[in-house]
């Protein structure tokens, strides 16, 4: 039986610094948050047709 072990590798400090310096584009971040908010709101829920042909809101699934 194979043992399950976590393997870690050392990340050089320069790479850690580079990763921490990366910043998301504010416009893309706002656009993504808008999409998330729309999906969470009831206004975004479109009617759906169930297998038996009845209309239902997406929130009932």
PDB file of N, CA and C in Angstrom:
ATOM      1  N   UNK A   1       0.840  -1.182   0.000  1.00  0.00           N
ATOM      2  CA  UNK A   1       0.000   0.000   0.000  1.00  0.00           C
ATOM      3  C   UNK A   1       0.885   1.245   0.000  1.00  0.00           C
ATOM      4  N   UNK A   2       0.525   2.202  -0.831  1.00  0.00           N
ATOM      5  CA  UNK A   2       1.308   3.422  -0.939  1.00  0.00           C
ATOM      6  C   UNK A   2       0.930   4.401   0.168  1.00  0.00           C
ATOM      7  N   UNK A   3       1.920   4.971   0.817  1.00  0.00           N
ATOM      8  CA  UNK A   3       1.614   5.955   1.854  1.00  0.00           C
ATOM      9  C   UNK A   3       1.357   7.308   1.199  1.00  0.00           C
ATOM     10  N   UNK A   4       0.442   8.030   1.795  1.00  0.00           N
ATOM     11  CA  UNK A   4       0.104   9.357   1.267  1.00  0.00           C
ATOM     12  C   UNK A   4       0.855  10.398   2.076  1.00  0.00           C
ATOM     13  N   UNK A   5       1.845  10.991   1.464  1.00  0.00           N
ATOM     14  CA  UNK A   5       2.646  12.002   2.135  1.00  0.00           C
ATOM     15  C   UNK A   5       2.558  13.300   1.358  1.00  0.00           C
ATOM     16  N   UNK A   6       2.567  14.386   2.090  1.00  0.00           N
ATOM     17  CA  UNK A   6       2.586  15.694   1.448  1.00  0.00           C
ATOM     18  C   UNK A   6       4.027  16.021   1.070  1.00  0.00           C
ATOM     19  N   UNK A   7       4.208  16.490  -0.129  1.00  0.00           N
ATOM     20  CA  UNK A   7       5.528  16.882  -0.590  1.00  0.00           C
ATOM     21  C   UNK A   7       5.570  18.400  -0.693  1.00  0.00           C
ATOM     22  N   UNK A   8       6.549  18.998  -0.074  1.00  0.00           N
ATOM     23  CA  UNK A   8       6.705  20.442  -0.104  1.00  0.00           C
ATOM     24  C   UNK A   8       8.028  20.770  -0.783  1.00  0.00           C
ATOM     25  N   UNK A   9       8.049  21.874  -1.466  1.00  0.00           N
ATOM     26  CA  UNK A   9       9.297  22.316  -2.054  1.00  0.00           C
ATOM     27  C   UNK A   9       9.556  23.742  -1.601  1.00  0.00           C
ATOM     28  N   UNK A  10      10.815  24.061  -1.504  1.00  0.00           N
ATOM     29  CA  UNK A  10      11.200  25.385  -1.031  1.00  0.00           C
ATOM     30  C   UNK A  10      11.049  26.384  -2.162  1.00  0.00           C
ATOM     31  N   UNK A  11      10.344  27.463  -1.859  1.00  0.00           N
ATOM     32  CA  UNK A  11      10.163  28.536  -2.831  1.00  0.00           C
ATOM     33  C   UNK A  11      11.176  29.623  -2.495  1.00  0.00           C
ATOM     34  N   UNK A  12      11.981  30.019  -3.475  1.00  0.00           N
ATOM     35  CA  UNK A  12      12.987  31.056  -3.211  1.00  0.00           C
ATOM     36  C   UNK A  12      12.330  32.368  -2.766  1.00  0.00           C
ATOM     37  N   UNK A  13      12.991  33.128  -1.907  1.00  0.00           N
ATOM     38  CA  UNK A  13      12.423  34.394  -1.420  1.00  0.00           C
ATOM     39  C   UNK A  13      12.058  35.358  -2.546  1.00  0.00           C
ATOM     40  N   UNK A  14      12.846  35.355  -3.638  1.00  0.00           N
ATOM     41  CA  UNK A  14      12.544  36.248  -4.760  1.00  0.00           C
ATOM     42  C   UNK A  14      11.186  35.908  -5.373  1.00  0.00           C
ATOM     43  N   UNK A  15      10.897  34.620  -5.466  1.00  0.00           N
ATOM     44  CA  UNK A  15       9.621  34.189  -6.039  1.00  0.00           C
ATOM     45  C   UNK A  15       8.469  34.557  -5.113  1.00  0.00           C
ATOM     46  N   UNK A  16       8.655  34.379  -3.822  1.00  0.00           N
ATOM     47  CA  UNK A  16       7.616  34.776  -2.869  1.00  0.00           C
ATOM     48  C   UNK A  16       7.347  36.272  -2.960  1.00  0.00           C
ATOM     49  N   UNK A  17       8.415  37.057  -3.069  1.00  0.00           N
ATOM     50  CA  UNK A  17       8.262  38.509  -3.194  1.00  0.00           C
ATOM     51  C   UNK A  17       7.504  38.853  -4.476  1.00  0.00           C
ATOM     52  N   UNK A  18       7.858  38.198  -5.572  1.00  0.00           N
ATOM     53  CA  UNK A  18       7.190  38.464  -6.850  1.00  0.00           C
ATOM     54  C   UNK A  18       5.704  38.135  -6.751  1.00  0.00           C
ATOM     55  N   UNK A  19       5.376  36.999  -6.150  1.00  0.00           N
ATOM     56  CA  UNK A  19       3.976  36.599  -6.020  1.00  0.00           C
ATOM     57  C   UNK A  19       3.191  37.587  -5.166  1.00  0.00           C
ATOM     58  N   UNK A  20       3.830  38.097  -4.116  1.00  0.00           N
ATOM     59  CA  UNK A  20       3.146  39.046  -3.242  1.00  0.00           C
ATOM     60  C   UNK A  20       2.978  40.410  -3.889  1.00  0.00           C
ATOM     61  N   UNK A  21       3.804  40.730  -4.865  1.00  0.00           N
ATOM     62  CA  UNK A  21       3.727  42.028  -5.520  1.00  0.00           C
ATOM     63  C   UNK A  21       2.674  42.074  -6.619  1.00  0.00           C
ATOM     64  N   UNK A  22       2.231  40.897  -7.068  1.00  0.00           N
ATOM     65  CA  UNK A  22       1.217  40.862  -8.119  1.00  0.00           C
ATOM     66  C   UNK A  22      -0.091  41.414  -7.571  1.00  0.00           C
ATOM     67  N   UNK A  23      -0.700  42.317  -8.316  1.00  0.00           N
ATOM     68  CA  UNK A  23      -1.964  42.896  -7.882  1.00  0.00           C
ATOM     69  C   UNK A  23      -2.975  42.725  -8.995  1.00  0.00           C
ATOM     70  N   UNK A  24      -4.194  42.435  -8.611  1.00  0.00           N
ATOM     71  CA  UNK A  24      -5.258  42.270  -9.591  1.00  0.00           C
ATOM     72  C   UNK A  24      -5.615  43.621 -10.200  1.00  0.00           C
ATOM     73  N   UNK A  25      -6.014  43.583 -11.451  1.00  0.00           N
ATOM     74  CA  UNK A  25      -6.476  44.780 -12.140  1.00  0.00           C
ATOM     75  C   UNK A  25      -7.784  45.228 -11.484  1.00  0.00           C
ATOM     76  N   UNK A  26      -7.849  46.469 -10.971  1.00  0.00           N
ATOM     77  CA  UNK A  26      -9.062  46.913 -10.269  1.00  0.00           C
ATOM     78  C   UNK A  26     -10.327  46.819 -11.118  1.00  0.00           C
ATOM     79  N   UNK A  27     -10.222  47.088 -12.415  1.00  0.00           N
ATOM     80  CA  UNK A  27     -11.403  47.011 -13.281  1.00  0.00           C
ATOM     81  C   UNK A  27     -11.907  45.575 -13.375  1.00  0.00           C
ATOM     82  N   UNK A  28     -10.990  44.630 -13.498  1.00  0.00           N
ATOM     83  CA  UNK A  28     -11.388  43.221 -13.577  1.00  0.00           C
ATOM     84  C   UNK A  28     -11.963  42.752 -12.246  1.00  0.00           C
ATOM     85  N   UNK A  29     -11.389  43.219 -11.152  1.00  0.00           N
ATOM     86  CA  UNK A  29     -11.890  42.846  -9.831  1.00  0.00           C
ATOM     87  C   UNK A  29     -13.309  43.360  -9.644  1.00  0.00           C
ATOM     88  N   UNK A  30     -13.566  44.605 -10.039  1.00  0.00           N
ATOM     89  CA  UNK A  30     -14.919  45.175  -9.927  1.00  0.00           C
ATOM     90  C   UNK A  30     -15.888  44.425 -10.814  1.00  0.00           C
ATOM     91  N   UNK A  31     -15.469  44.093 -12.030  1.00  0.00           N
ATOM     92  CA  UNK A  31     -16.348  43.372 -12.951  1.00  0.00           C
ATOM     93  C   UNK A  31     -16.695  41.997 -12.390  1.00  0.00           C
ATOM     94  N   UNK A  32     -15.722  41.312 -11.835  1.00  0.00           N
ATOM     95  CA  UNK A  32     -15.970  40.002 -11.251  1.00  0.00           C
ATOM     96  C   UNK A  32     -16.923  40.115 -10.065  1.00  0.00           C
ATOM     97  N   UNK A  33     -16.730  41.122  -9.219  1.00  0.00           N
ATOM     98  CA  UNK A  33     -17.615  41.301  -8.070  1.00  0.00           C
ATOM     99  C   UNK A  33     -19.031  41.615  -8.526  1.00  0.00           C
ATOM    100  N   UNK A  34     -19.179  42.367  -9.614  1.00  0.00           N
ATOM    101  CA  UNK A  34     -20.503  42.674 -10.151  1.00  0.00           C
ATOM    102  C   UNK A  34     -21.201  41.402 -10.603  1.00  0.00           C
ATOM    103  N   UNK A  35     -20.487  40.531 -11.291  1.00  0.00           N
ATOM    104  CA  UNK A  35     -21.068  39.266 -11.747  1.00  0.00           C
ATOM    105  C   UNK A  35     -21.476  38.411 -10.552  1.00  0.00           C
ATOM    106  N   UNK A  36     -20.629  38.348  -9.544  1.00  0.00           N
ATOM    107  CA  UNK A  36     -20.960  37.571  -8.343  1.00  0.00           C
ATOM    108  C   UNK A  36     -22.211  38.134  -7.682  1.00  0.00           C
ATOM    109  N   UNK A  37     -22.283  39.453  -7.564  1.00  0.00           N
ATOM    110  CA  UNK A  37     -23.461  40.079  -6.955  1.00  0.00           C
ATOM    111  C   UNK A  37     -24.718  39.803  -7.765  1.00  0.00           C
ATOM    112  N   UNK A  38     -24.609  39.844  -9.092  1.00  0.00           N
ATOM    113  CA  UNK A  38     -25.769  39.574  -9.944  1.00  0.00           C
ATOM    114  C   UNK A  38     -26.250  38.144  -9.755  1.00  0.00           C
ATOM    115  N   UNK A  39     -25.324  37.213  -9.675  1.00  0.00           N
ATOM    116  CA  UNK A  39     -25.710  35.812  -9.513  1.00  0.00           C
ATOM    117  C   UNK A  39     -26.370  35.566  -8.168  1.00  0.00           C
ATOM    118  N   UNK A  40     -25.997  36.337  -7.170  1.00  0.00           N
ATOM    119  CA  UNK A  40     -26.586  36.175  -5.840  1.00  0.00           C
ATOM    120  C   UNK A  40     -27.954  36.843  -5.728  1.00  0.00           C
ATOM    121  N   UNK A  41     -28.220  37.817  -6.562  1.00  0.00           N
ATOM    122  CA  UNK A  41     -29.477  38.557  -6.444  1.00  0.00           C
ATOM    123  C   UNK A  41     -30.624  37.787  -7.084  1.00  0.00           C
ATOM    124  N   UNK A  42     -31.824  38.029  -6.601  1.00  0.00           N
ATOM    125  CA  UNK A  42     -33.008  37.373  -7.159  1.00  0.00           C
ATOM    126  C   UNK A  42     -33.321  37.885  -8.559  1.00  0.00           C
ATOM    127  N   UNK A  43     -32.906  39.095  -8.881  1.00  0.00           N
ATOM    128  CA  UNK A  43     -33.187  39.663 -10.198  1.00  0.00           C
ATOM    129  C   UNK A  43     -32.502  38.867 -11.301  1.00  0.00           C
ATOM    130  N   UNK A  44     -31.426  38.176 -10.983  1.00  0.00           N
ATOM    131  CA  UNK A  44     -30.686  37.412 -11.976  1.00  0.00           C
ATOM    132  C   UNK A  44     -31.334  36.062 -12.251  1.00  0.00           C
ATOM    133  N   UNK A  45     -32.183  35.583 -11.339  1.00  0.00           N
ATOM    134  CA  UNK A  45     -32.787  34.264 -11.484  1.00  0.00           C
ATOM    135  C   UNK A  45     -33.772  34.250 -12.651  1.00  0.00           C
ATOM    136  N   UNK A  46     -33.474  33.473 -13.650  1.00  0.00           N
ATOM    137  CA  UNK A  46     -34.325  33.359 -14.825  1.00  0.00           C
ATOM    138  C   UNK A  46     -35.234  32.151 -14.672  1.00  0.00           C
ATOM    139  N   UNK A  47     -36.431  32.215 -15.259  1.00  0.00           N
ATOM    140  CA  UNK A  47     -37.299  31.041 -15.182  1.00  0.00           C
ATOM    141  C   UNK A  47     -36.676  29.868 -15.936  1.00  0.00           C
ATOM    142  N   UNK A  48     -36.895  28.685 -15.420  1.00  0.00           N
ATOM    143  CA  UNK A  48     -36.362  27.477 -16.042  1.00  0.00           C
ATOM    144  C   UNK A  48     -37.505  26.511 -16.291  1.00  0.00           C
ATOM    145  N   UNK A  49     -37.376  25.701 -17.317  1.00  0.00           N
ATOM    146  CA  UNK A  49     -38.391  24.702 -17.629  1.00  0.00           C
ATOM    147  C   UNK A  49     -37.912  23.371 -17.071  1.00  0.00           C
ATOM    148  N   UNK A  50     -38.749  22.746 -16.243  1.00  0.00           N
ATOM    149  CA  UNK A  50     -38.387  21.455 -15.662  1.00  0.00           C
ATOM    150  C   UNK A  50     -38.627  20.350 -16.682  1.00  0.00           C
ATOM    151  N   UNK A  51     -38.248  19.142 -16.339  1.00  0.00           N
ATOM    152  CA  UNK A  51     -38.379  18.001 -17.245  1.00  0.00           C
ATOM    153  C   UNK A  51     -39.827  17.753 -17.647  1.00  0.00           C
ATOM    154  N   UNK A  52     -40.780  18.080 -16.764  1.00  0.00           N
ATOM    155  CA  UNK A  52     -42.190  17.857 -17.095  1.00  0.00           C
ATOM    156  C   UNK A  52     -42.814  19.043 -17.832  1.00  0.00           C
ATOM    157  N   UNK A  53     -42.015  20.050 -18.175  1.00  0.00           N
ATOM    158  CA  UNK A  53     -42.495  21.176 -18.964  1.00  0.00           C
ATOM    159  C   UNK A  53     -43.025  22.342 -18.155  1.00  0.00           C
ATOM    160  N   UNK A  54     -42.990  22.260 -16.842  1.00  0.00           N
ATOM    161  CA  UNK A  54     -43.473  23.348 -15.992  1.00  0.00           C
ATOM    162  C   UNK A  54     -42.387  24.396 -15.802  1.00  0.00           C
ATOM    163  N   UNK A  55     -42.819  25.651 -15.746  1.00  0.00           N
ATOM    164  CA  UNK A  55     -41.879  26.743 -15.503  1.00  0.00           C
ATOM    165  C   UNK A  55     -41.590  26.827 -14.011  1.00  0.00           C
ATOM    166  N   UNK A  56     -40.321  26.963 -13.663  1.00  0.00           N
ATOM    167  CA  UNK A  56     -39.919  27.122 -12.273  1.00  0.00           C
ATOM    168  C   UNK A  56     -38.801  28.147 -12.220  1.00  0.00           C
ATOM    169  N   UNK A  57     -38.685  28.798 -11.076  1.00  0.00           N
ATOM    170  CA  UNK A  57     -37.564  29.721 -10.937  1.00  0.00           C
ATOM    171  C   UNK A  57     -36.309  28.911 -10.635  1.00  0.00           C
ATOM    172  N   UNK A  58     -35.165  29.472 -10.964  1.00  0.00           N
ATOM    173  CA  UNK A  58     -33.903  28.760 -10.767  1.00  0.00           C
ATOM    174  C   UNK A  58     -33.626  28.523  -9.290  1.00  0.00           C
ATOM    175  N   UNK A  59     -34.197  29.346  -8.419  1.00  0.00           N
ATOM    176  CA  UNK A  59     -33.914  29.208  -6.992  1.00  0.00           C
ATOM    177  C   UNK A  59     -34.567  27.975  -6.382  1.00  0.00           C
ATOM    178  N   UNK A  60     -35.489  27.320  -7.085  1.00  0.00           N
ATOM    179  CA  UNK A  60     -36.136  26.129  -6.541  1.00  0.00           C
ATOM    180  C   UNK A  60     -35.321  24.876  -6.794  1.00  0.00           C
ATOM    181  N   UNK A  61     -34.267  24.977  -7.588  1.00  0.00           N
ATOM    182  CA  UNK A  61     -33.438  23.804  -7.874  1.00  0.00           C
ATOM    183  C   UNK A  61     -32.385  23.628  -6.822  1.00  0.00           C
TER     184      UNK A  61
END
